[in-house]
Amino acid sequence: MDSEEKIAKVKKALLCMQRFSWEQGVAAQAFLEIGDIELIVPMAEAAMLRQGTDGRLALMDPNEAVTDPASNGEAMMYAAKMTNDDRFDVAVEKNVDYLLTTAPKNADGILYHWPTKKIVMVDSYYMAPPLLAVTGHIDEALKQIDGFRGLLWDSQRKLFHHMWNDDKMDFERAAFWGVGNGWAAAGITRVLRALPPTMPEQKKKLERYAKDVIDGCLQYVRPDGLFHDVLDDPTTFVDTNLSQQVAYSIFRGVRGGWMDEAYLADADKLRQAAHRKVDGFGIVRGACAAPTFDRQGIAPEAQAFFLLMEAAYNDLR
């Protein structure tokens, strides 16, 4: 199966799987980046249909995450341009307003991940800062990135812990979760793409942040190009998705001029490993399994990151 056929099958499998707000958001981003723009308007319509009264997009449940719904915003903005339908712009503005004004945050104004728990999660790197950046709230995006880093970053290990609990004033989960570090790398990469050239110092800082976590992950890559679910724990299962997330970030970084081309050897190894995990149905096998993430299996975000990785690879070529 060549790459084009594989991409087509991965797309179909993704459409069969995506359900929750973050799954729909990263799926829409993947379709947008790989050029399947005819899917953007239907996905945006679906996200808008399930917009909560507080502004969060694509909700399945009122207790769903604080930051995840924002991942739908970029595709919705594109839908607004395609259709000249201001309903999409209004929907995005409502979600952004939620992040800025009513979303639960800690004393420093850093977003919690759930509406009923005082927990900051590394996943949020990918969900909220990119939308804040592309809608012009760059200072707030940078504030969130720094806030997440201050609570979750381990400077010695060059990795992010998974969850911080403000009630405990300790980690809810201290593990260096692989996919979580991938969310961070890819999220910072997306914000970097949104920064204007008038912000060179901020750009340099984010470049360092992205390189730090990419380097941290690459310390633990296996000979087969994959990673363990908890990066520094070889007793945990082997995961496919982090390889795609890191490869995506490297390809975008080289394309953006902020990563050295020497990293392409690593990215190619990770990409080839991911390609070997795609079966005849287009399912990316061996991913950290949604929605419980406690075993190997399948996940919409793994499908989406295969497409994002391929989009970034093709853009670089």
Protein backbone atom coordinates (compact mmCIF):
# COMPACT_ATOMS: atom_id res chain seq x y z
CA MET A 1 0.00 0.00 0.00
CA ASP A 2 1.58 3.30 -1.09
CA SER A 3 1.46 6.48 0.97
CA GLU A 4 -1.51 8.01 -0.87
CA GLU A 5 -3.64 4.90 -0.47
CA LYS A 6 -2.63 4.66 3.17
CA ILE A 7 -3.58 8.29 3.79
CA ALA A 8 -7.00 7.76 2.19
CA LYS A 9 -7.70 4.76 4.40
CA VAL A 10 -6.45 6.51 7.56
CA LYS A 11 -8.87 9.38 6.81
CA LYS A 12 -11.83 7.01 6.54
CA ALA A 13 -10.91 5.23 9.74
CA LEU A 14 -10.58 8.58 11.53
CA LEU A 15 -14.05 9.65 10.45
CA CYS A 16 -15.41 6.39 11.87
CA MET A 17 -13.73 6.94 15.25
CA GLN A 18 -13.87 10.63 16.20
CA ARG A 19 -16.41 11.47 18.91
CA PHE A 20 -15.23 13.76 21.70
CA SER A 21 -14.33 17.43 21.36
CA TRP A 22 -10.57 16.95 21.22
CA GLU A 23 -10.97 14.08 18.77
CA GLN A 24 -13.13 16.15 16.44
CA GLY A 25 -10.82 19.14 16.81
CA VAL A 26 -7.59 17.35 15.95
CA ALA A 27 -9.38 15.48 13.15
CA ALA A 28 -10.53 18.76 11.60
CA GLN A 29 -7.02 20.19 11.93
CA ALA A 30 -5.61 17.12 10.19
CA PHE A 31 -8.06 17.39 7.30
CA LEU A 32 -7.31 21.09 6.99
CA GLU A 33 -3.53 20.62 6.91
CA ILE A 34 -3.62 17.73 4.48
CA GLY A 35 -5.94 19.64 2.15
CA ASP A 36 -9.26 17.81 2.54
CA ILE A 37 -11.07 21.10 2.87
CA GLU A 38 -14.45 19.78 1.73
CA LEU A 39 -14.71 18.07 5.12
CA ILE A 40 -14.11 21.26 7.11
CA VAL A 41 -17.56 22.83 6.80
CA PRO A 42 -19.48 19.67 7.85
CA MET A 43 -17.15 19.20 10.82
CA ALA A 44 -17.50 22.84 11.80
CA GLU A 45 -21.28 22.57 11.57
CA ALA A 46 -21.22 19.54 13.86
CA ALA A 47 -18.97 21.29 16.38
CA MET A 48 -21.25 24.33 16.36
CA LEU A 49 -24.35 22.15 16.77
CA ARG A 50 -22.93 20.83 20.02
CA GLN A 51 -21.66 24.15 21.37
CA GLY A 52 -22.41 24.57 25.07
CA THR A 53 -24.07 27.63 26.53
CA ASP A 54 -20.72 28.63 28.00
CA GLY A 55 -19.12 28.67 24.52
CA ARG A 56 -17.26 25.36 24.47
CA LEU A 57 -17.46 23.68 21.07
CA ALA A 58 -18.35 20.08 20.19
CA LEU A 59 -19.42 19.05 23.68
CA MET A 60 -20.53 15.51 24.38
CA ASP A 61 -21.09 16.21 28.08
CA PRO A 62 -21.24 19.40 30.25
CA ASN A 63 -18.41 18.02 32.40
CA GLU A 64 -16.12 17.60 29.42
CA ALA A 65 -12.76 19.32 29.49
CA VAL A 66 -12.18 23.06 29.70
CA THR A 67 -9.50 23.31 27.00
CA ASP A 68 -10.22 20.43 24.59
CA PRO A 69 -13.16 22.09 22.77
CA ALA A 70 -10.91 24.95 21.64
CA SER A 71 -9.12 22.57 19.28
CA ASN A 72 -12.13 22.93 16.98
CA GLY A 73 -11.68 26.67 16.54
CA GLU A 74 -9.07 26.85 13.78
CA ALA A 75 -11.06 24.68 11.37
CA MET A 76 -14.19 26.66 12.21
CA MET A 77 -12.40 29.90 11.31
CA TYR A 78 -11.53 28.37 7.95
CA ALA A 79 -15.16 27.35 7.46
CA ALA A 80 -16.18 30.97 8.04
CA LYS A 81 -13.85 32.11 5.25
CA MET A 82 -15.07 29.39 2.89
CA THR A 83 -18.74 30.17 3.37
CA ASN A 84 -18.87 33.84 4.46
CA ASP A 85 -21.20 32.54 7.17
CA ASP A 86 -20.69 34.64 10.30
CA ARG A 87 -22.25 31.95 12.49
CA PHE A 88 -18.87 30.22 12.47
CA ASP A 89 -17.05 33.40 13.54
CA VAL A 90 -19.56 33.95 16.35
CA ALA A 91 -19.10 30.37 17.54
CA VAL A 92 -15.32 30.78 17.66
CA GLU A 93 -15.63 34.10 19.51
CA LYS A 94 -17.81 32.42 22.14
CA ASN A 95 -15.25 29.70 22.77
CA VAL A 96 -12.40 32.22 22.92
CA ASP A 97 -14.39 34.42 25.31
CA TYR A 98 -14.92 31.39 27.53
CA LEU A 99 -11.16 30.76 27.67
CA LEU A 100 -10.46 34.40 28.46
CA THR A 101 -13.19 35.18 30.98
CA THR A 102 -15.16 32.31 32.51
CA ALA A 103 -13.07 29.15 32.19
CA PRO A 104 -11.82 27.85 35.56
CA LYS A 105 -8.22 28.85 36.26
CA ASN A 106 -5.73 28.86 39.10
CA ALA A 107 -4.69 31.96 41.05
CA ASP A 108 -2.19 32.85 38.30
CA GLY A 109 -4.81 32.65 35.58
CA ILE A 110 -3.66 29.30 34.17
CA LEU A 111 -6.38 27.11 32.72
CA TYR A 112 -7.52 23.98 34.48
CA HIS A 113 -8.27 20.98 32.32
CA TRP A 114 -11.64 20.07 33.81
CA PRO A 115 -14.47 22.29 35.05
CA THR A 116 -14.82 20.48 38.41
CA LYS A 117 -11.18 19.63 39.24
CA LYS A 118 -8.26 21.95 39.95
CA ILE A 119 -5.94 20.02 37.69
CA VAL A 120 -3.57 21.38 35.05
CA MET A 121 -2.74 18.86 32.32
CA VAL A 122 -0.03 18.80 29.69
CA ASP A 123 -2.68 17.96 27.06
CA SER A 124 -3.89 21.55 27.27
CA TYR A 125 -0.77 22.74 25.43
CA TYR A 126 -2.30 21.57 22.19
CA MET A 127 -5.89 22.57 22.87
CA ALA A 128 -6.06 26.21 23.98
CA PRO A 129 -2.87 28.20 23.16
CA PRO A 130 -3.04 27.66 19.37
CA LEU A 131 -6.59 29.03 19.15
CA LEU A 132 -5.72 31.95 21.40
CA ALA A 133 -2.73 32.72 19.17
CA VAL A 134 -4.55 32.57 15.82
CA THR A 135 -7.37 34.77 17.13
CA GLY A 136 -4.91 37.49 18.13
CA HIS A 137 -4.65 36.79 21.86
CA ILE A 138 -0.98 35.99 21.61
CA ASP A 139 0.00 37.34 25.04
CA GLU A 140 -2.61 35.07 26.62
CA ALA A 141 -1.37 32.09 24.59
CA LEU A 142 2.19 32.75 25.78
CA LYS A 143 0.98 33.16 29.36
CA GLN A 144 -0.71 29.76 29.25
CA ILE A 145 2.36 28.11 27.71
CA ASP A 146 4.60 29.55 30.44
CA GLY A 147 2.09 28.64 33.14
CA PHE A 148 1.82 25.02 32.04
CA ARG A 149 5.59 24.83 31.84
CA GLY A 150 6.05 26.27 35.32
CA LEU A 151 3.86 23.56 36.85
CA LEU A 152 4.73 20.54 34.71
CA TRP A 153 8.23 20.89 33.26
CA ASP A 154 11.14 18.88 34.67
CA SER A 155 14.26 20.76 33.59
CA GLN A 156 16.60 17.88 34.43
CA ARG A 157 14.70 15.23 32.49
CA LYS A 158 13.62 17.63 29.72
CA LEU A 159 10.12 16.23 29.90
CA PHE A 160 6.67 17.26 31.11
CA HIS A 161 4.89 15.57 33.98
CA HIS A 162 1.30 14.67 33.14
CA MET A 163 -0.93 16.37 35.74
CA TRP A 164 -0.64 18.95 38.53
CA ASN A 165 -3.30 19.15 41.28
CA ASP A 166 -3.74 22.56 42.92
CA ASP A 167 -5.74 21.11 45.82
CA LYS A 168 -2.91 18.72 46.71
CA MET A 169 -0.18 21.17 45.65
CA ASP A 170 1.46 18.13 44.14
CA PHE A 171 1.33 16.05 41.01
CA GLU A 172 -1.88 14.20 40.35
CA ARG A 173 0.15 12.06 37.98
CA ALA A 174 3.87 12.68 37.86
CA ALA A 175 4.54 10.22 35.03
CA PHE A 176 6.27 11.46 31.91
CA TRP A 177 3.44 10.39 29.64
CA GLY A 178 4.64 10.05 26.07
CA VAL A 179 1.56 11.29 24.23
CA GLY A 180 1.26 14.17 26.71
CA ASN A 181 4.76 15.32 25.80
CA GLY A 182 3.74 14.95 22.17
CA TRP A 183 0.72 17.19 22.74
CA ALA A 184 3.08 19.80 24.20
CA ALA A 185 5.59 19.63 21.35
CA ALA A 186 2.90 19.85 18.68
CA GLY A 187 0.95 22.55 20.51
CA ILE A 188 3.97 24.81 20.85
CA THR A 189 4.77 24.13 17.19
CA ARG A 190 1.28 25.31 16.20
CA VAL A 191 1.65 28.50 18.24
CA LEU A 192 5.02 29.17 16.63
CA ARG A 193 3.36 29.07 13.22
CA ALA A 194 0.91 31.75 14.38
CA LEU A 195 3.45 34.22 15.79
CA PRO A 196 3.99 37.36 13.69
CA PRO A 197 7.55 38.34 12.66
CA THR A 198 7.28 41.34 14.99
CA MET A 199 7.77 39.03 18.01
CA PRO A 200 11.32 37.66 17.54
CA GLU A 201 12.10 37.27 21.25
CA GLN A 202 8.89 35.39 21.96
CA LYS A 203 9.57 33.21 18.93
CA LYS A 204 13.06 32.35 20.19
CA LYS A 205 11.64 31.36 23.56
CA LEU A 206 9.03 29.06 22.06
CA GLU A 207 11.59 27.56 19.71
CA ARG A 208 13.68 26.67 22.76
CA TYR A 209 10.65 25.20 24.52
CA ALA A 210 9.77 23.05 21.52
CA LYS A 211 13.34 21.86 20.99
CA ASP A 212 13.67 21.04 24.68
CA VAL A 213 10.72 18.66 24.72
CA ILE A 214 11.61 17.13 21.34
CA ASP A 215 15.13 16.46 22.62
CA GLY A 216 13.70 15.08 25.83
CA CYS A 217 11.51 12.63 23.95
CA LEU A 218 14.27 11.55 21.56
CA GLN A 219 16.33 10.38 24.53
CA TYR A 220 13.88 7.50 24.86
CA VAL A 221 13.20 6.44 21.29
CA ARG A 222 13.44 2.68 20.87
CA PRO A 223 15.48 1.00 18.10
CA ASP A 224 12.19 0.39 16.24
CA GLY A 225 11.35 4.12 16.19
CA LEU A 226 8.60 3.91 18.79
CA PHE A 227 8.36 4.95 22.45
CA HIS A 228 7.03 3.49 25.68
CA ASP A 229 3.77 4.96 27.01
CA VAL A 230 5.64 6.39 30.00
CA LEU A 231 8.85 7.49 28.39
CA ASP A 232 11.30 6.48 31.10
CA ASP A 233 9.49 3.27 32.10
CA PRO A 234 10.25 0.37 29.74
CA THR A 235 7.73 -1.84 31.55
CA THR A 236 4.87 0.23 30.08
CA PHE A 237 3.37 -0.66 26.72
CA VAL A 238 4.79 0.58 23.42
CA ASP A 239 2.90 3.48 21.83
CA THR A 240 2.72 4.57 18.19
CA ASN A 241 1.33 8.07 18.45
CA LEU A 242 4.23 9.91 20.07
CA SER A 243 6.42 8.99 17.10
CA GLN A 244 3.91 10.77 14.84
CA GLN A 245 3.62 13.80 17.12
CA VAL A 246 7.39 14.29 17.33
CA ALA A 247 7.88 13.69 13.60
CA TYR A 248 5.16 16.28 12.86
CA SER A 249 6.86 18.81 15.13
CA ILE A 250 10.28 18.23 13.58
CA PHE A 251 9.02 18.47 10.00
CA ARG A 252 7.20 21.71 10.82
CA GLY A 253 10.23 23.00 12.71
CA VAL A 254 12.61 22.38 9.82
CA ARG A 255 10.10 23.89 7.39
CA GLY A 256 9.80 26.92 9.68
CA GLY A 257 13.56 27.34 9.90
CA TRP A 258 13.82 26.85 13.66
CA MET A 259 15.05 23.25 13.73
CA ASP A 260 18.26 21.99 12.22
CA GLU A 261 17.95 19.67 9.23
CA ALA A 262 19.98 17.10 11.17
CA TYR A 263 16.76 16.27 13.04
CA LEU A 264 15.24 14.94 9.82
CA ALA A 265 17.00 11.62 10.30
CA ASP A 266 15.13 11.21 13.59
CA ALA A 267 11.85 12.33 12.07
CA ASP A 268 12.20 9.91 9.14
CA LYS A 269 12.86 7.03 11.53
CA LEU A 270 9.76 7.91 13.57
CA ARG A 271 7.64 8.32 10.42
CA GLN A 272 8.70 4.96 9.04
CA ALA A 273 7.86 3.32 12.37
CA ALA A 274 4.38 4.84 12.27
CA HIS A 275 3.84 3.69 8.67
CA ARG A 276 4.59 0.13 9.72
CA LYS A 277 1.74 0.31 12.26
CA VAL A 278 -1.01 1.14 9.75
CA ASP A 279 -3.07 -1.92 8.83
CA GLY A 280 -5.07 -2.70 5.70
CA PHE A 281 -8.10 -0.85 7.03
CA GLY A 282 -6.15 2.36 7.62
CA ILE A 283 -6.13 1.91 11.39
CA VAL A 284 -3.02 3.14 13.20
CA ARG A 285 -2.36 0.21 15.51
CA GLY A 286 -0.56 0.20 18.84
CA ALA A 287 -1.64 3.69 19.89
CA CYS A 288 -2.34 4.74 23.45
CA ALA A 289 -5.99 3.66 23.38
CA ALA A 290 -8.87 6.13 23.61
CA PRO A 291 -10.77 6.92 25.71
CA THR A 292 -9.06 5.36 28.77
CA PHE A 293 -5.42 5.63 27.59
CA ASP A 294 -4.32 2.73 29.78
CA ARG A 295 -3.35 0.17 27.14
CA GLN A 296 -2.42 -0.32 23.50
CA GLY A 297 -5.24 0.06 21.03
CA ILE A 298 -6.66 2.66 18.64
CA ALA A 299 -7.36 6.36 19.04
CA PRO A 300 -8.73 9.14 16.83
CA GLU A 301 -5.79 11.36 17.75
CA ALA A 302 -3.39 8.70 16.46
CA GLN A 303 -5.27 8.65 13.16
CA ALA A 304 -5.20 12.43 13.02
CA PHE A 305 -1.51 12.71 13.83
CA PHE A 306 -0.66 10.26 11.07
CA LEU A 307 -2.31 12.73 8.68
CA LEU A 308 -0.72 15.76 10.34
CA MET A 309 2.68 14.08 10.10
CA GLU A 310 2.14 13.32 6.42
CA ALA A 311 0.95 16.87 5.72
CA ALA A 312 4.07 18.29 7.37
CA TYR A 313 6.31 15.80 5.55
CA ASN A 314 4.77 16.64 2.18
CA ASP A 315 5.02 20.39 2.83
CA LEU A 316 8.71 20.01 3.63
CA ARG A 317 9.33 17.99 0.47
